[in-house]
Amino acid sequence: MTVDKDRGMSSAGEISGRRAREDRAAEAHLLVFNRDPAVSPEQRIFRREESFGGRAITVWGM
C-alpha cells in the first residue's frame, strides 16, 4: 500500500483499521517507509499509537 501525501496518515490509518476490523484482528500495525532524502533519520524513525474506529493501530516509521 502506498500513502498519498495529500491524504496523509488518516487515509492509511483508515485502511489499516478497516482491514483489522474485517480480519477481526486484536491489533494492527502500519509501516511507513519515508524515502525522502530531505527528511532526517530522526524524523523518519518513530513508533506511535493511533486509533481508528475504536481499534488501536501501532504506526511504525522507517
PDB file of N, CA and C in Angstrom:
ATOM      1  N   MET A   1       0.845  -1.166   0.000  1.00  0.00           N
ATOM      2  CA  MET A   1       0.000   0.000   0.000  1.00  0.00           C
ATOM      3  C   MET A   1       0.889   1.226   0.000  1.00  0.00           C
ATOM      4  N   THR A   2       0.524   2.206  -0.787  1.00  0.00           N
ATOM      5  CA  THR A   2       1.223   3.481  -0.759  1.00  0.00           C
ATOM      6  C   THR A   2       0.299   4.527  -0.155  1.00  0.00           C
ATOM      7  N   VAL A   3       0.888   5.552   0.427  1.00  0.00           N
ATOM      8  CA  VAL A   3       0.111   6.610   1.055  1.00  0.00           C
ATOM      9  C   VAL A   3       0.264   7.869   0.234  1.00  0.00           C
ATOM     10  N   ASP A   4      -0.842   8.423  -0.189  1.00  0.00           N
ATOM     11  CA  ASP A   4      -0.859   9.679  -0.923  1.00  0.00           C
ATOM     12  C   ASP A   4      -0.504  10.790   0.058  1.00  0.00           C
ATOM     13  N   LYS A   5       0.543  11.568  -0.248  1.00  0.00           N
ATOM     14  CA  LYS A   5       0.984  12.621   0.670  1.00  0.00           C
ATOM     15  C   LYS A   5      -0.114  13.632   0.951  1.00  0.00           C
ATOM     16  N   ASP A   6      -1.022  13.865  -0.021  1.00  0.00           N
ATOM     17  CA  ASP A   6      -2.099  14.828   0.179  1.00  0.00           C
ATOM     18  C   ASP A   6      -3.144  14.305   1.163  1.00  0.00           C
ATOM     19  N   ARG A   7      -3.393  13.006   1.159  1.00  0.00           N
ATOM     20  CA  ARG A   7      -4.387  12.423   2.070  1.00  0.00           C
ATOM     21  C   ARG A   7      -3.754  12.093   3.409  1.00  0.00           C
ATOM     22  N   GLY A   8      -2.456  11.785   3.426  1.00  0.00           N
ATOM     23  CA  GLY A   8      -1.711  11.599   4.659  1.00  0.00           C
ATOM     24  C   GLY A   8      -2.021  10.331   5.421  1.00  0.00           C
ATOM     25  N   MET A   9      -1.646  10.360   6.709  1.00  0.00           N
ATOM     26  CA  MET A   9      -1.759   9.192   7.572  1.00  0.00           C
ATOM     27  C   MET A   9      -3.203   8.830   7.878  1.00  0.00           C
ATOM     28  N   SER A  10      -4.116   9.779   7.807  1.00  0.00           N
ATOM     29  CA  SER A  10      -5.506   9.454   8.147  1.00  0.00           C
ATOM     30  C   SER A  10      -6.067   8.407   7.202  1.00  0.00           C
ATOM     31  N   SER A  11      -5.767   8.512   5.908  1.00  0.00           N
ATOM     32  CA  SER A  11      -6.283   7.510   4.968  1.00  0.00           C
ATOM     33  C   SER A  11      -5.595   6.169   5.175  1.00  0.00           C
ATOM     34  N   ALA A  12      -4.306   6.174   5.476  1.00  0.00           N
ATOM     35  CA  ALA A  12      -3.593   4.917   5.729  1.00  0.00           C
ATOM     36  C   ALA A  12      -4.104   4.267   7.007  1.00  0.00           C
ATOM     37  N   GLY A  13      -4.361   5.073   8.030  1.00  0.00           N
ATOM     38  CA  GLY A  13      -4.914   4.546   9.276  1.00  0.00           C
ATOM     39  C   GLY A  13      -6.306   3.998   9.074  1.00  0.00           C
ATOM     40  N   GLU A  14      -7.071   4.656   8.223  1.00  0.00           N
ATOM     41  CA  GLU A  14      -8.426   4.175   7.914  1.00  0.00           C
ATOM     42  C   GLU A  14      -8.363   2.812   7.238  1.00  0.00           C
ATOM     43  N   ILE A  15      -7.463   2.661   6.288  1.00  0.00           N
ATOM     44  CA  ILE A  15      -7.311   1.384   5.596  1.00  0.00           C
ATOM     45  C   ILE A  15      -6.870   0.297   6.570  1.00  0.00           C
ATOM     46  N   SER A  16      -5.887   0.597   7.425  1.00  0.00           N
ATOM     47  CA  SER A  16      -5.406  -0.381   8.401  1.00  0.00           C
ATOM     48  C   SER A  16      -6.497  -0.758   9.388  1.00  0.00           C
ATOM     49  N   GLY A  17      -7.238   0.245   9.862  1.00  0.00           N
ATOM     50  CA  GLY A  17      -8.312  -0.013  10.814  1.00  0.00           C
ATOM     51  C   GLY A  17      -9.417  -0.850  10.199  1.00  0.00           C
ATOM     52  N   ARG A  18      -9.770  -0.538   8.966  1.00  0.00           N
ATOM     53  CA  ARG A  18     -10.812  -1.305   8.281  1.00  0.00           C
ATOM     54  C   ARG A  18     -10.364  -2.739   8.063  1.00  0.00           C
ATOM     55  N   ARG A  19      -9.120  -2.909   7.661  1.00  0.00           N
ATOM     56  CA  ARG A  19      -8.581  -4.260   7.430  1.00  0.00           C
ATOM     57  C   ARG A  19      -8.545  -5.060   8.729  1.00  0.00           C
ATOM     58  N   ALA A  20      -8.132  -4.432   9.822  1.00  0.00           N
ATOM     59  CA  ALA A  20      -8.085  -5.116  11.123  1.00  0.00           C
ATOM     60  C   ALA A  20      -9.487  -5.536  11.550  1.00  0.00           C
ATOM     61  N   ARG A  21     -10.457  -4.679  11.306  1.00  0.00           N
ATOM     62  CA  ARG A  21     -11.838  -4.989  11.668  1.00  0.00           C
ATOM     63  C   ARG A  21     -12.354  -6.154  10.830  1.00  0.00           C
ATOM     64  N   GLU A  22     -12.085  -6.121   9.519  1.00  0.00           N
ATOM     65  CA  GLU A  22     -12.544  -7.197   8.637  1.00  0.00           C
ATOM     66  C   GLU A  22     -11.915  -8.531   9.009  1.00  0.00           C
ATOM     67  N   ASP A  23     -10.650  -8.500   9.405  1.00  0.00           N
ATOM     68  CA  ASP A  23      -9.934  -9.719   9.780  1.00  0.00           C
ATOM     69  C   ASP A  23     -10.168 -10.102  11.241  1.00  0.00           C
ATOM     70  N   ARG A  24     -10.910  -9.257  11.963  1.00  0.00           N
ATOM     71  CA  ARG A  24     -11.154  -9.450  13.394  1.00  0.00           C
ATOM     72  C   ARG A  24      -9.846  -9.544  14.179  1.00  0.00           C
ATOM     73  N   ALA A  25      -8.888  -8.738  13.770  1.00  0.00           N
ATOM     74  CA  ALA A  25      -7.572  -8.743  14.409  1.00  0.00           C
ATOM     75  C   ALA A  25      -7.641  -8.045  15.770  1.00  0.00           C
ATOM     76  N   ALA A  26      -6.865  -8.537  16.702  1.00  0.00           N
ATOM     77  CA  ALA A  26      -6.790  -7.929  18.027  1.00  0.00           C
ATOM     78  C   ALA A  26      -5.949  -6.659  17.993  1.00  0.00           C
ATOM     79  N   GLU A  27      -5.026  -6.581  17.049  1.00  0.00           N
ATOM     80  CA  GLU A  27      -4.172  -5.407  16.931  1.00  0.00           C
ATOM     81  C   GLU A  27      -3.799  -5.225  15.465  1.00  0.00           C
ATOM     82  N   ALA A  28      -3.367  -4.004  15.134  1.00  0.00           N
ATOM     83  CA  ALA A  28      -2.954  -3.708  13.762  1.00  0.00           C
ATOM     84  C   ALA A  28      -1.675  -2.887  13.805  1.00  0.00           C
ATOM     85  N   HIS A  29      -0.851  -3.072  12.808  1.00  0.00           N
ATOM     86  CA  HIS A  29       0.395  -2.318  12.668  1.00  0.00           C
ATOM     87  C   HIS A  29       0.450  -1.747  11.270  1.00  0.00           C
ATOM     88  N   LEU A  30       0.945  -0.527  11.167  1.00  0.00           N
ATOM     89  CA  LEU A  30       1.106   0.141   9.891  1.00  0.00           C
ATOM     90  C   LEU A  30       2.558   0.570   9.779  1.00  0.00           C
ATOM     91  N   LEU A  31       3.250   0.129   8.733  1.00  0.00           N
ATOM     92  CA  LEU A  31       4.642   0.511   8.495  1.00  0.00           C
ATOM     93  C   LEU A  31       4.674   1.622   7.467  1.00  0.00           C
ATOM     94  N   VAL A  32       5.409   2.685   7.778  1.00  0.00           N
ATOM     95  CA  VAL A  32       5.527   3.825   6.886  1.00  0.00           C
ATOM     96  C   VAL A  32       6.996   3.972   6.512  1.00  0.00           C
ATOM     97  N   PHE A  33       7.291   3.840   5.228  1.00  0.00           N
ATOM     98  CA  PHE A  33       8.660   3.986   4.737  1.00  0.00           C
ATOM     99  C   PHE A  33       8.781   5.347   4.062  1.00  0.00           C
ATOM    100  N   ASN A  34       9.568   6.221   4.651  1.00  0.00           N
ATOM    101  CA  ASN A  34       9.783   7.556   4.103  1.00  0.00           C
ATOM    102  C   ASN A  34      11.162   7.584   3.463  1.00  0.00           C
ATOM    103  N   ARG A  35      11.190   7.638   2.151  1.00  0.00           N
ATOM    104  CA  ARG A  35      12.466   7.605   1.425  1.00  0.00           C
ATOM    105  C   ARG A  35      12.900   8.993   0.960  1.00  0.00           C
ATOM    106  N   ASP A  36      12.262  10.027   1.457  1.00  0.00           N
ATOM    107  CA  ASP A  36      12.593  11.397   1.079  1.00  0.00           C
ATOM    108  C   ASP A  36      13.955  11.757   1.676  1.00  0.00           C
ATOM    109  N   PRO A  37      14.953  12.036   0.834  1.00  0.00           N
ATOM    110  CA  PRO A  37      16.289  12.351   1.361  1.00  0.00           C
ATOM    111  C   PRO A  37      16.336  13.655   2.162  1.00  0.00           C
ATOM    112  N   ALA A  38      15.332  14.505   2.014  1.00  0.00           N
ATOM    113  CA  ALA A  38      15.300  15.764   2.760  1.00  0.00           C
ATOM    114  C   ALA A  38      14.854  15.563   4.205  1.00  0.00           C
ATOM    115  N   VAL A  39      14.336  14.392   4.525  1.00  0.00           N
ATOM    116  CA  VAL A  39      13.858  14.098   5.882  1.00  0.00           C
ATOM    117  C   VAL A  39      14.956  13.364   6.646  1.00  0.00           C
ATOM    118  N   SER A  40      15.288  13.868   7.819  1.00  0.00           N
ATOM    119  CA  SER A  40      16.365  13.270   8.613  1.00  0.00           C
ATOM    120  C   SER A  40      15.941  11.908   9.172  1.00  0.00           C
ATOM    121  N   PRO A  41      16.912  11.042   9.479  1.00  0.00           N
ATOM    122  CA  PRO A  41      16.584   9.749  10.084  1.00  0.00           C
ATOM    123  C   PRO A  41      15.815   9.905  11.403  1.00  0.00           C
ATOM    124  N   GLU A  42      16.103  10.959  12.157  1.00  0.00           N
ATOM    125  CA  GLU A  42      15.396  11.184  13.419  1.00  0.00           C
ATOM    126  C   GLU A  42      13.909  11.422  13.189  1.00  0.00           C
ATOM    127  N   GLN A  43      13.554  12.036  12.068  1.00  0.00           N
ATOM    128  CA  GLN A  43      12.152  12.282  11.754  1.00  0.00           C
ATOM    129  C   GLN A  43      11.489  11.050  11.145  1.00  0.00           C
ATOM    130  N   ARG A  44      12.252  10.240  10.444  1.00  0.00           N
ATOM    131  CA  ARG A  44      11.700   9.062   9.767  1.00  0.00           C
ATOM    132  C   ARG A  44      11.389   7.917  10.723  1.00  0.00           C
ATOM    133  N   ILE A  45      12.210   7.742  11.730  1.00  0.00           N
ATOM    134  CA  ILE A  45      12.089   6.573  12.607  1.00  0.00           C
ATOM    135  C   ILE A  45      11.263   6.943  13.832  1.00  0.00           C
ATOM    136  N   PHE A  46      10.115   6.294  13.948  1.00  0.00           N
ATOM    137  CA  PHE A  46       9.235   6.576  15.081  1.00  0.00           C
ATOM    138  C   PHE A  46       8.301   5.394  15.312  1.00  0.00           C
ATOM    139  N   ARG A  47       7.646   5.441  16.439  1.00  0.00           N
ATOM    140  CA  ARG A  47       6.589   4.489  16.790  1.00  0.00           C
ATOM    141  C   ARG A  47       5.549   5.266  17.564  1.00  0.00           C
ATOM    142  N   ARG A  48       4.302   5.171  17.143  1.00  0.00           N
ATOM    143  CA  ARG A  48       3.244   5.858  17.876  1.00  0.00           C
ATOM    144  C   ARG A  48       1.951   5.062  17.780  1.00  0.00           C
ATOM    145  N   GLU A  49       1.074   5.334  18.713  1.00  0.00           N
ATOM    146  CA  GLU A  49      -0.228   4.676  18.766  1.00  0.00           C
ATOM    147  C   GLU A  49      -1.280   5.616  18.195  1.00  0.00           C
ATOM    148  N   GLU A  50      -2.078   5.109  17.292  1.00  0.00           N
ATOM    149  CA  GLU A  50      -3.209   5.834  16.721  1.00  0.00           C
ATOM    150  C   GLU A  50      -4.436   4.978  16.946  1.00  0.00           C
ATOM    151  N   SER A  51      -5.599   5.538  16.724  1.00  0.00           N
ATOM    152  CA  SER A  51      -6.812   4.731  16.803  1.00  0.00           C
ATOM    153  C   SER A  51      -7.723   5.103  15.656  1.00  0.00           C
ATOM    154  N   PHE A  52      -8.486   4.129  15.211  1.00  0.00           N
ATOM    155  CA  PHE A  52      -9.467   4.341  14.170  1.00  0.00           C
ATOM    156  C   PHE A  52     -10.613   3.376  14.409  1.00  0.00           C
ATOM    157  N   GLY A  53     -11.800   3.897  14.483  1.00  0.00           N
ATOM    158  CA  GLY A  53     -12.960   3.049  14.689  1.00  0.00           C
ATOM    159  C   GLY A  53     -12.888   2.230  15.960  1.00  0.00           C
ATOM    160  N   GLY A  54     -12.262   2.793  17.004  1.00  0.00           N
ATOM    161  CA  GLY A  54     -12.163   2.076  18.272  1.00  0.00           C
ATOM    162  C   GLY A  54     -11.066   1.038  18.321  1.00  0.00           C
ATOM    163  N   ARG A  55     -10.265   0.927  17.278  1.00  0.00           N
ATOM    164  CA  ARG A  55      -9.158  -0.039  17.257  1.00  0.00           C
ATOM    165  C   ARG A  55      -7.824   0.688  17.389  1.00  0.00           C
ATOM    166  N   ALA A  56      -6.928   0.092  18.142  1.00  0.00           N
ATOM    167  CA  ALA A  56      -5.576   0.631  18.289  1.00  0.00           C
ATOM    168  C   ALA A  56      -4.740   0.201  17.093  1.00  0.00           C
ATOM    169  N   ILE A  57      -4.001   1.140  16.537  1.00  0.00           N
ATOM    170  CA  ILE A  57      -3.097   0.865  15.423  1.00  0.00           C
ATOM    171  C   ILE A  57      -1.721   1.382  15.809  1.00  0.00           C
ATOM    172  N   THR A  58      -0.727   0.514  15.793  1.00  0.00           N
ATOM    173  CA  THR A  58       0.642   0.943  16.046  1.00  0.00           C
ATOM    174  C   THR A  58       1.250   1.351  14.717  1.00  0.00           C
ATOM    175  N   VAL A  59       1.713   2.601  14.637  1.00  0.00           N
ATOM    176  CA  VAL A  59       2.308   3.128  13.412  1.00  0.00           C
ATOM    177  C   VAL A  59       3.812   3.172  13.612  1.00  0.00           C
ATOM    178  N   TRP A  60       4.537   2.537  12.688  1.00  0.00           N
ATOM    179  CA  TRP A  60       5.997   2.482  12.739  1.00  0.00           C
ATOM    180  C   TRP A  60       6.543   3.270  11.545  1.00  0.00           C
ATOM    181  N   GLY A  61       7.395   4.239  11.807  1.00  0.00           N
ATOM    182  CA  GLY A  61       8.083   4.977  10.750  1.00  0.00           C
ATOM    183  C   GLY A  61       9.456   4.371  10.545  1.00  0.00           C
ATOM    184  N   MET A  62       9.795   4.154   9.308  1.00  0.00           N
ATOM    185  CA  MET A  62      11.078   3.534   8.964  1.00  0.00           C
ATOM    186  C   MET A  62      11.893   4.452   8.090  1.00  0.00           C
TER     187      MET A  62
END
